[in-house]
C-alpha atoms as a PDB file:
ATOM      1  CA  UNK A   1      -6.560 -54.618  -4.220  1.00  0.00           C
ATOM      2  CA  UNK A   2     -10.281 -54.592  -4.877  1.00  0.00           C
ATOM      3  CA  UNK A   3     -11.038 -54.291  -1.157  1.00  0.00           C
ATOM      4  CA  UNK A   4      -8.695 -51.263  -0.969  1.00  0.00           C
ATOM      5  CA  UNK A   5     -10.671 -49.567  -3.732  1.00  0.00           C
ATOM      6  CA  UNK A   6     -13.943 -50.284  -1.970  1.00  0.00           C
ATOM      7  CA  UNK A   7     -12.596 -48.891   1.313  1.00  0.00           C
ATOM      8  CA  UNK A   8     -11.307 -45.811  -0.470  1.00  0.00           C
ATOM      9  CA  UNK A   9     -14.693 -45.265  -2.144  1.00  0.00           C
ATOM     10  CA  UNK A  10     -16.536 -45.628   1.156  1.00  0.00           C
ATOM     11  CA  UNK A  11     -14.194 -43.139   2.837  1.00  0.00           C
ATOM     12  CA  UNK A  12     -14.672 -40.661  -0.004  1.00  0.00           C
ATOM     13  CA  UNK A  13     -18.439 -41.101   0.098  1.00  0.00           C
ATOM     14  CA  UNK A  14     -18.449 -40.519   3.857  1.00  0.00           C
ATOM     15  CA  UNK A  15     -16.606 -37.179   3.488  1.00  0.00           C
ATOM     16  CA  UNK A  16     -18.282 -36.080   0.264  1.00  0.00           C
ATOM     17  CA  UNK A  17     -20.972 -33.904   1.848  1.00  0.00           C
ATOM     18  CA  UNK A  18     -18.492 -31.928   3.963  1.00  0.00           C
ATOM     19  CA  UNK A  19     -16.125 -31.511   0.994  1.00  0.00           C
ATOM     20  CA  UNK A  20     -18.913 -30.273  -1.281  1.00  0.00           C
ATOM     21  CA  UNK A  21     -20.105 -27.767   1.340  1.00  0.00           C
ATOM     22  CA  UNK A  22     -16.555 -26.511   1.770  1.00  0.00           C
ATOM     23  CA  UNK A  23     -16.151 -26.077  -1.987  1.00  0.00           C
ATOM     24  CA  UNK A  24     -19.461 -24.176  -2.171  1.00  0.00           C
ATOM     25  CA  UNK A  25     -18.324 -21.854   0.643  1.00  0.00           C
ATOM     26  CA  UNK A  26     -15.076 -21.152  -1.173  1.00  0.00           C
ATOM     27  CA  UNK A  27     -16.916 -20.399  -4.416  1.00  0.00           C
ATOM     28  CA  UNK A  28     -19.322 -18.008  -2.666  1.00  0.00           C
ATOM     29  CA  UNK A  29     -16.456 -16.307  -0.870  1.00  0.00           C
ATOM     30  CA  UNK A  30     -14.569 -15.721  -4.101  1.00  0.00           C
ATOM     31  CA  UNK A  31     -17.719 -14.494  -5.840  1.00  0.00           C
ATOM     32  CA  UNK A  32     -17.906 -11.739  -3.229  1.00  0.00           C
ATOM     33  CA  UNK A  33     -14.231 -11.050  -2.510  1.00  0.00           C
ATOM     34  CA  UNK A  34     -13.010 -11.262  -6.097  1.00  0.00           C
ATOM     35  CA  UNK A  35     -14.859  -8.198  -7.371  1.00  0.00           C
ATOM     36  CA  UNK A  36     -14.179  -6.308  -4.119  1.00  0.00           C
ATOM     37  CA  UNK A  37     -10.443  -6.932  -4.470  1.00  0.00           C
ATOM     38  CA  UNK A  38     -10.567  -5.905  -8.127  1.00  0.00           C
ATOM     39  CA  UNK A  39     -12.329  -2.638  -7.274  1.00  0.00           C
ATOM     40  CA  UNK A  40      -9.811  -1.872  -4.520  1.00  0.00           C
ATOM     41  CA  UNK A  41      -6.859  -2.492  -6.838  1.00  0.00           C
ATOM     42  CA  UNK A  42      -8.348  -0.407  -9.643  1.00  0.00           C
ATOM     43  CA  UNK A  43      -9.198   2.420  -7.219  1.00  0.00           C
ATOM     44  CA  UNK A  44      -5.657   2.390  -5.816  1.00  0.00           C
ATOM     45  CA  UNK A  45      -4.164   2.590  -9.290  1.00  0.00           C
ATOM     46  CA  UNK A  46      -6.542   5.375 -10.275  1.00  0.00           C
ATOM     47  CA  UNK A  47      -5.805   7.337  -7.125  1.00  0.00           C
ATOM     48  CA  UNK A  48      -2.087   6.911  -7.681  1.00  0.00           C
ATOM     49  CA  UNK A  49      -2.341   8.129 -11.248  1.00  0.00           C
ATOM     50  CA  UNK A  50      -4.475  11.098 -10.177  1.00  0.00           C
ATOM     51  CA  UNK A  51      -2.737  12.190  -6.973  1.00  0.00           C
ATOM     52  CA  UNK A  52       0.964  11.648  -7.725  1.00  0.00           C
ATOM     53  CA  UNK A  53       1.201  14.551 -10.202  1.00  0.00           C
ATOM     54  CA  UNK A  54      -0.675  16.803  -7.785  1.00  0.00           C
ATOM     55  CA  UNK A  55       1.627  15.883  -4.920  1.00  0.00           C
ATOM     56  CA  UNK A  56       4.746  16.475  -7.011  1.00  0.00           C
ATOM     57  CA  UNK A  57       3.414  19.876  -8.082  1.00  0.00           C
ATOM     58  CA  UNK A  58       2.785  20.788  -4.445  1.00  0.00           C
ATOM     59  CA  UNK A  59       6.285  19.660  -3.536  1.00  0.00           C
ATOM     60  CA  UNK A  60       7.774  21.876  -6.257  1.00  0.00           C
ATOM     61  CA  UNK A  61       5.691  24.853  -5.113  1.00  0.00           C
ATOM     62  CA  UNK A  62       6.657  24.311  -1.465  1.00  0.00           C
ATOM     63  CA  UNK A  63      10.344  23.895  -2.238  1.00  0.00           C
ATOM     64  CA  UNK A  64      10.586  27.482  -3.495  1.00  0.00           C
ATOM     65  CA  UNK A  65       9.191  28.653  -0.144  1.00  0.00           C
ATOM     66  CA  UNK A  66      11.736  26.567   1.750  1.00  0.00           C
ATOM     67  CA  UNK A  67      14.785  28.031   0.029  1.00  0.00           C
ATOM     68  CA  UNK A  68      17.078  29.988   2.306  1.00  0.00           C
ATOM     69  CA  UNK A  69      18.382  33.429   1.431  1.00  0.00           C
ATOM     70  CA  UNK A  70      22.121  32.854   1.783  1.00  0.00           C
ATOM     71  CA  UNK A  71      22.982  36.567   2.037  1.00  0.00           C
ATOM     72  CA  UNK A  72      20.546  37.054   4.911  1.00  0.00           C
ATOM     73  CA  UNK A  73      21.920  33.958   6.604  1.00  0.00           C
ATOM     74  CA  UNK A  74      25.520  35.166   6.326  1.00  0.00           C
ATOM     75  CA  UNK A  75      24.550  38.597   7.686  1.00  0.00           C
ATOM     76  CA  UNK A  76      22.811  36.978  10.641  1.00  0.00           C
ATOM     77  CA  UNK A  77      25.833  34.781  11.391  1.00  0.00           C
ATOM     78  CA  UNK A  78      28.248  37.684  11.089  1.00  0.00           C
ATOM     79  CA  UNK A  79      26.124  39.895  13.332  1.00  0.00           C
ATOM     80  CA  UNK A  80      25.877  37.192  15.996  1.00  0.00           C
ATOM     81  CA  UNK A  81      29.646  36.604  15.818  1.00  0.00           C
ATOM     82  CA  UNK A  82      30.400  40.330  16.105  1.00  0.00           C
ATOM     83  CA  UNK A  83      28.091  40.625  19.134  1.00  0.00           C
ATOM     84  CA  UNK A  84      29.971  37.792  20.850  1.00  0.00           C
ATOM     85  CA  UNK A  85      33.317  39.406  20.080  1.00  0.00           C
ATOM     86  CA  UNK A  86      34.625  36.688  17.839  1.00  0.00           C
ATOM     87  CA  UNK A  87      35.897  37.293  14.342  1.00  0.00           C
ATOM     88  CA  UNK A  88      36.617  35.105  11.415  1.00  0.00           C
END
């Protein structure tokens, strides 16, 4: 059992430098990417809060322009039917 512990320690010691460098890289990466991700999330939330009411207001304004005058539509249909010689 003691020899197993010694072998395990030697193996860990052999890979220690690579493991420490990898951990340092991960820490540096998160020091840079963490704040960037936070800023992106906060900006997306802020843009959503700001632009959604504006977009809904534009949709309401545009919907009144898209409404169809039913009387004019019926007159157009009736005139096209009377020109073709068909009746209701």
